[in-house]
Every structure is written in C-alpha cells, then in structure tokens.
C-alpha atoms as a PDB file:
ATOM      1  CA  MET A   1      49.722 152.844  94.484  1.00  0.00           C
ATOM      2  CA  THR A   2      52.573 154.343  92.473  1.00  0.00           C
ATOM      3  CA  THR A   3      51.693 155.678  89.018  1.00  0.00           C
ATOM      4  CA  GLN A   4      54.184 154.921  86.238  1.00  0.00           C
ATOM      5  CA  LEU A   5      54.541 157.569  83.521  1.00  0.00           C
ATOM      6  CA  THR A   6      56.928 158.079  80.624  1.00  0.00           C
ATOM      7  CA  ALA A   7      58.331 161.501  79.780  1.00  0.00           C
ATOM      8  CA  THR A   8      59.467 161.640  76.166  1.00  0.00           C
ATOM      9  CA  ASP A   9      61.889 164.450  75.419  1.00  0.00           C
ATOM     10  CA  ILE A  10      63.497 165.886  72.321  1.00  0.00           C
ATOM     11  CA  ARG A  11      65.977 168.744  71.953  1.00  0.00           C
ATOM     12  CA  SER A  12      64.398 171.884  70.516  1.00  0.00           C
ATOM     13  CA  GLU A  13      66.269 175.185  70.157  1.00  0.00           C
ATOM     14  CA  GLY A  14      68.246 174.959  73.401  1.00  0.00           C
ATOM     15  CA  TRP A  15      65.398 173.407  75.409  1.00  0.00           C
ATOM     16  CA  TRP A  16      64.149 169.896  76.035  1.00  0.00           C
ATOM     17  CA  ALA A  17      60.544 169.639  74.853  1.00  0.00           C
ATOM     18  CA  VAL A  18      58.765 167.091  77.040  1.00  0.00           C
ATOM     19  CA  SER A  19      55.508 165.210  76.529  1.00  0.00           C
ATOM     20  CA  VAL A  20      53.821 162.501  78.569  1.00  0.00           C
ATOM     21  CA  PRO A  21      51.862 160.151  76.267  1.00  0.00           C
ATOM     22  CA  GLU A  22      49.799 158.753  79.147  1.00  0.00           C
ATOM     23  CA  VAL A  23      48.416 162.225  79.977  1.00  0.00           C
ATOM     24  CA  ASP A  24      46.696 163.846  77.013  1.00  0.00           C
ATOM     25  CA  GLY A  25      47.760 167.477  76.807  1.00  0.00           C
ATOM     26  CA  LEU A  26      50.736 167.334  79.180  1.00  0.00           C
ATOM     27  CA  PHE A  27      53.557 169.155  77.462  1.00  0.00           C
ATOM     28  CA  THR A  28      56.327 171.120  79.147  1.00  0.00           C
ATOM     29  CA  GLN A  29      59.956 172.093  78.647  1.00  0.00           C
ATOM     30  CA  THR A  30      63.170 172.331  80.605  1.00  0.00           C
ATOM     31  CA  ARG A  31      66.774 173.348  80.088  1.00  0.00           C
ATOM     32  CA  SER A  32      68.313 170.140  81.467  1.00  0.00           C
ATOM     33  CA  LEU A  33      67.437 166.468  81.415  1.00  0.00           C
ATOM     34  CA  ASP A  34      67.836 165.982  85.159  1.00  0.00           C
ATOM     35  CA  GLU A  35      64.960 168.428  85.795  1.00  0.00           C
ATOM     36  CA  ILE A  36      62.410 166.427  83.776  1.00  0.00           C
ATOM     37  CA  PRO A  37      60.885 164.306  86.572  1.00  0.00           C
ATOM     38  CA  ALA A  38      60.318 167.344  88.816  1.00  0.00           C
ATOM     39  CA  VAL A  39      58.892 169.433  85.957  1.00  0.00           C
ATOM     40  CA  VAL A  40      56.516 166.632  84.960  1.00  0.00           C
ATOM     41  CA  ARG A  41      55.355 166.191  88.564  1.00  0.00           C
ATOM     42  CA  ASP A  42      54.719 169.933  88.761  1.00  0.00           C
ATOM     43  CA  ALA A  43      52.759 169.874  85.475  1.00  0.00           C
ATOM     44  CA  LEU A  44      50.630 166.999  86.793  1.00  0.00           C
ATOM     45  CA  THR A  45      49.121 169.399  89.338  1.00  0.00           C
ATOM     46  CA  LEU A  46      47.345 171.055  86.386  1.00  0.00           C
ATOM     47  CA  PHE A  47      45.364 167.843  85.812  1.00  0.00           C
ATOM     48  CA  PRO A  48      43.594 167.228  89.160  1.00  0.00           C
ATOM     49  CA  GLU A  49      40.713 165.457  87.405  1.00  0.00           C
ATOM     50  CA  LEU A  50      43.038 162.515  86.677  1.00  0.00           C
ATOM     51  CA  GLY A  51      43.482 161.743  90.357  1.00  0.00           C
ATOM     52  CA  ILE A  52      47.244 161.197  89.941  1.00  0.00           C
ATOM     53  CA  ASP A  53      49.281 162.008  93.043  1.00  0.00           C
ATOM     54  CA  PRO A  54      52.466 163.675  91.695  1.00  0.00           C
ATOM     55  CA  SER A  55      54.389 162.717  94.849  1.00  0.00           C
ATOM     56  CA  ASP A  56      53.579 159.045  94.234  1.00  0.00           C
ATOM     57  CA  THR A  57      54.536 159.003  90.554  1.00  0.00           C
ATOM     58  CA  GLU A  58      57.545 157.318  88.979  1.00  0.00           C
ATOM     59  CA  ILE A  59      58.750 159.074  85.822  1.00  0.00           C
ATOM     60  CA  SER A  60      60.760 157.193  83.198  1.00  0.00           C
ATOM     61  CA  VAL A  61      62.610 159.506  80.822  1.00  0.00           C
ATOM     62  CA  GLU A  62      62.986 158.568  77.139  1.00  0.00           C
ATOM     63  CA  THR A  63      65.167 160.800  75.005  1.00  0.00           C
ATOM     64  CA  VAL A  64      64.383 160.948  71.292  1.00  0.00           C
ATOM     65  CA  MET A  65      67.443 161.620  69.171  1.00  0.00           C
ATOM     66  CA  PRO A  66      66.769 163.490  65.933  1.00  0.00           C
ATOM     67  CA  GLU A  67      67.693 161.800  62.697  1.00  0.00           C
ATOM     68  CA  TYR A  68      70.131 163.672  60.487  1.00  0.00           C
END
C-alpha cells in the first residue's frame, strides 16, 4: 500500500527548509526543489518505528511563499 505524504517547503537563506506534517519531527533541507522527494524518502529511514516503506511513498510538494 502506497503511503501519501506532503512535504511543505519554504525558502530560507539559500536553502529549502522542508517539513512533513504527517511525520512528527521530520525536518530536512535541500538546495533545489526537485530533490525534495528523494531527501524526504531518505529522511524517512530515520523513523523505522513508523513502518513506512520509503520506496513505496508518494511525496506531494507544497511550496510556501513568504508574505512581504
């Protein structure tokens, strides 16, 4: 069964700061938006107690634009 997760990202000092609301404590960062799904899958390996198979996970990316 495929797990659906959302990666929320916001630009922060030259990086994209990424959080996954469905996984408490999963925060990471990347230089480019296209790397987010792979980085999130890699970070999921740090949460084996959740029983989520990173290779069977669909990541939706939501970019948060800062308000000026």
